[in-house]
Protein backbone atom coordinates (compact mmCIF):
# COMPACT_ATOMS: atom_id res chain seq x y z
CA UNK A 1 9.72 -6.16 8.87
CA UNK A 2 6.79 -5.71 11.25
CA UNK A 3 4.31 -2.96 11.02
CA UNK A 4 4.38 -2.46 14.83
CA UNK A 5 2.80 1.10 14.93
CA UNK A 6 -0.89 0.27 15.07
CA UNK A 7 -1.55 4.11 14.91
CA UNK A 8 -0.71 3.92 11.26
CA UNK A 9 -3.60 1.67 10.53
CA UNK A 10 -6.24 3.14 12.98
CA UNK A 11 -6.15 6.43 11.21
CA UNK A 12 -8.28 4.91 8.48
CA UNK A 13 -11.95 3.72 8.98
CA UNK A 14 -12.04 0.23 10.73
CA UNK A 15 -13.34 -1.47 7.70
CA UNK A 16 -10.48 -0.30 5.57
CA UNK A 17 -7.73 -0.87 8.24
CA UNK A 18 -7.24 -4.44 7.53
CA UNK A 19 -6.88 -3.97 3.75
CA UNK A 20 -4.20 -1.33 4.32
CA UNK A 21 -2.38 -3.48 6.87
CA UNK A 22 -2.31 -6.42 4.46
CA UNK A 23 -1.21 -4.27 1.47
CA UNK A 24 1.51 -2.73 3.52
CA UNK A 25 2.66 -6.13 4.56
CA UNK A 26 2.74 -7.21 0.96
CA UNK A 27 5.05 -4.42 0.02
CA UNK A 28 7.35 -4.99 3.00
CA UNK A 29 7.49 -8.74 2.27
CA UNK A 30 8.73 -7.83 -1.28
CA UNK A 31 11.31 -5.48 0.25
CA UNK A 32 12.56 -8.23 2.45
CA UNK A 33 13.72 -10.03 -0.74
CA UNK A 34 15.90 -7.15 -1.89
CA UNK A 35 19.26 -6.16 -0.52
CA UNK A 36 18.90 -2.56 -1.44
CA UNK A 37 16.34 -2.17 1.41
CA UNK A 38 18.81 -3.23 4.16
CA UNK A 39 20.27 0.18 4.47
CA UNK A 40 16.84 1.88 4.90
CA UNK A 41 15.72 2.43 8.46
CA UNK A 42 12.83 0.07 9.15
CA UNK A 43 10.49 2.95 10.36
CA UNK A 44 11.14 4.93 7.03
CA UNK A 45 10.58 1.75 5.03
CA UNK A 46 7.27 1.01 6.93
CA UNK A 47 6.11 4.68 6.48
CA UNK A 48 6.94 4.48 2.75
CA UNK A 49 5.02 1.21 2.42
CA UNK A 50 1.91 2.69 4.18
CA UNK A 51 2.06 5.66 1.78
CA UNK A 52 2.34 3.42 -1.23
CA UNK A 53 -0.40 1.19 0.06
CA UNK A 54 -2.67 4.20 0.66
CA UNK A 55 -1.94 5.46 -2.97
CA UNK A 56 -2.55 2.11 -4.39
CA UNK A 57 -5.75 1.61 -2.62
CA UNK A 58 -6.63 5.32 -3.15
CA UNK A 59 -7.13 5.98 0.50
CA UNK A 60 -7.21 9.41 2.04
CA UNK A 61 -5.13 10.26 5.18
CA UNK A 62 -7.58 9.74 7.97
CA UNK A 63 -11.05 8.91 6.76
CA UNK A 64 -11.47 6.46 3.82
CA UNK A 65 -14.62 4.57 3.91
CA UNK A 66 -15.65 4.55 0.25
CA UNK A 67 -16.44 1.73 -2.06
CA UNK A 68 -14.48 -0.25 -4.66
CA UNK A 69 -14.11 1.12 -8.15
CA UNK A 70 -13.92 -1.62 -10.73
CA UNK A 71 -12.58 0.32 -13.74
CA UNK A 72 -9.18 0.84 -12.23
CA UNK A 73 -8.45 -2.76 -12.26
CA UNK A 74 -7.07 -4.92 -15.09
CA UNK A 75 -8.37 -8.15 -13.75
CA UNK A 76 -11.22 -9.61 -11.94
CA UNK A 77 -11.05 -8.55 -8.20
CA UNK A 78 -12.18 -11.78 -6.22
CA UNK A 79 -14.10 -10.10 -3.48
CA UNK A 80 -17.45 -11.54 -2.85
CA UNK A 81 -20.16 -10.18 -0.54
CA UNK A 82 -17.85 -7.31 0.63
CA UNK A 83 -17.97 -4.64 -2.03
CA UNK A 84 -18.94 -1.98 0.47
CA UNK A 85 -15.80 -2.44 2.53
CA UNK A 86 -13.30 -1.80 -0.37
CA UNK A 87 -11.85 1.70 -0.75
CA UNK A 88 -13.01 3.69 -3.71
CA UNK A 89 -10.52 4.70 -6.33
CA UNK A 90 -10.89 8.49 -5.95
CA UNK A 91 -8.27 10.96 -6.95
CA UNK A 92 -6.53 11.72 -3.88
CA UNK A 93 -3.75 14.18 -3.70
CA UNK A 94 -0.64 13.46 -1.86
CA UNK A 95 -1.40 15.80 0.97
CA UNK A 96 -4.74 13.82 1.51
CA UNK A 97 -2.79 10.53 1.30
CA UNK A 98 -0.15 11.67 3.70
CA UNK A 99 -1.77 13.86 6.37
CA UNK A 100 -0.19 15.85 9.13
CA UNK A 101 -1.38 13.08 11.45
CA UNK A 102 0.56 10.48 9.34
CA UNK A 103 3.67 12.73 9.39
CA UNK A 104 3.16 13.15 13.17
CA UNK A 105 2.91 9.39 13.89
CA UNK A 106 5.76 8.25 11.70
CA UNK A 107 8.05 11.15 12.19
CA UNK A 108 8.50 11.48 8.36
CA UNK A 109 7.30 14.34 6.02
CA UNK A 110 6.16 13.19 2.59
CA UNK A 111 9.43 14.55 0.94
CA UNK A 112 11.50 12.18 3.14
CA UNK A 113 9.59 9.13 1.79
CA UNK A 114 10.06 9.74 -1.95
CA UNK A 115 13.14 7.55 -2.65
CA UNK A 116 11.99 4.53 -0.83
CA UNK A 117 8.51 4.97 -2.27
CA UNK A 118 9.87 4.83 -5.69
CA UNK A 119 12.02 1.72 -4.91
CA UNK A 120 8.90 -0.03 -3.41
CA UNK A 121 6.91 0.88 -6.40
CA UNK A 122 9.52 -0.76 -8.64
CA UNK A 123 9.19 -3.88 -6.68
CA UNK A 124 5.37 -3.76 -6.78
CA UNK A 125 5.57 -3.40 -10.61
CA UNK A 126 8.02 -6.17 -11.09
CA UNK A 127 6.19 -8.60 -8.53
CA UNK A 128 4.05 -10.49 -11.00
CA UNK A 129 6.79 -11.30 -13.47
CA UNK A 130 9.95 -11.48 -11.57
CA UNK A 131 10.90 -15.06 -10.60
CA UNK A 132 12.30 -13.91 -7.22
CA UNK A 133 9.00 -12.44 -6.12
CA UNK A 134 6.70 -15.21 -7.48
CA UNK A 135 6.14 -16.87 -3.93
CA UNK A 136 5.15 -13.41 -2.42
CA UNK A 137 3.06 -12.50 -5.24
CA UNK A 138 1.06 -15.84 -5.29
CA UNK A 139 0.58 -15.64 -1.47
CA UNK A 140 -0.87 -12.05 -1.57
CA UNK A 141 -3.00 -12.90 -4.61
CA UNK A 142 -4.89 -15.40 -2.51
CA UNK A 143 -8.33 -14.52 -0.96
CA UNK A 144 -6.89 -15.07 2.47
CA UNK A 145 -4.75 -12.06 1.88
CA UNK A 146 -7.52 -10.03 0.26
CA UNK A 147 -5.86 -10.42 -3.04
CA UNK A 148 -3.87 -7.24 -2.60
CA UNK A 149 -1.33 -8.35 -5.13
CA UNK A 150 -3.90 -8.14 -7.96
CA UNK A 151 -4.49 -4.47 -7.38
CA UNK A 152 -3.51 -2.42 -10.34
CA UNK A 153 0.00 -0.83 -9.82
CA UNK A 154 -0.22 2.91 -10.09
CA UNK A 155 1.56 4.60 -13.01
CA UNK A 156 4.70 6.12 -11.64
CA UNK A 157 3.46 9.80 -12.44
CA UNK A 158 0.53 9.14 -9.91
CA UNK A 159 2.68 8.26 -7.00
CA UNK A 160 2.64 11.90 -5.75
CA UNK A 161 5.99 12.06 -4.15
C-alpha cells in the first residue's frame, strides 16, 4: 500500500507531517501481512490508517503543532533533541481528528472508516507480540522510523469511531 495522496499529510503542520506519514505507513505495512485487508479498497484502508495514526499521535484534523507528552507512553521514547516536533497527547474528539477537509480529500466520512479502523487497531495492538508482525514492529521501532511502533496503543474506547 502506498500513501499516494500527499494532501492527507500536508493538512497537519509541516513538522508533524513526517511523523504522521511514518505512523500511517507502519499501520499499512502491518495490514499487508493480513489477508483480511485484501478486500478493503486501498483508499479506504489508507484513510483508516491516517485516522488511526492521528488518534494514536493525538493530532487534530488540520493544525497539530504541539509537543510530546511523556505520561501517555509505557516506555522510554527515544527522541533526542526533537521534543518540540512531537505531537502533544491532547484529548481530541473524533471530529477534530477527522475534519471536514479530511473527509473531502479522502472521500470518506468517519462512519465509513470504523470497521477498518478497528481491524487496524487490532493489528497495532498485536504487533509487538505476534510472531507474524515481529519484523515490521522491529523496523518501525528503530529511530530511523521515528520509533512509531513504540507509541502507546490507544484503548479501544478511545478510538472515537
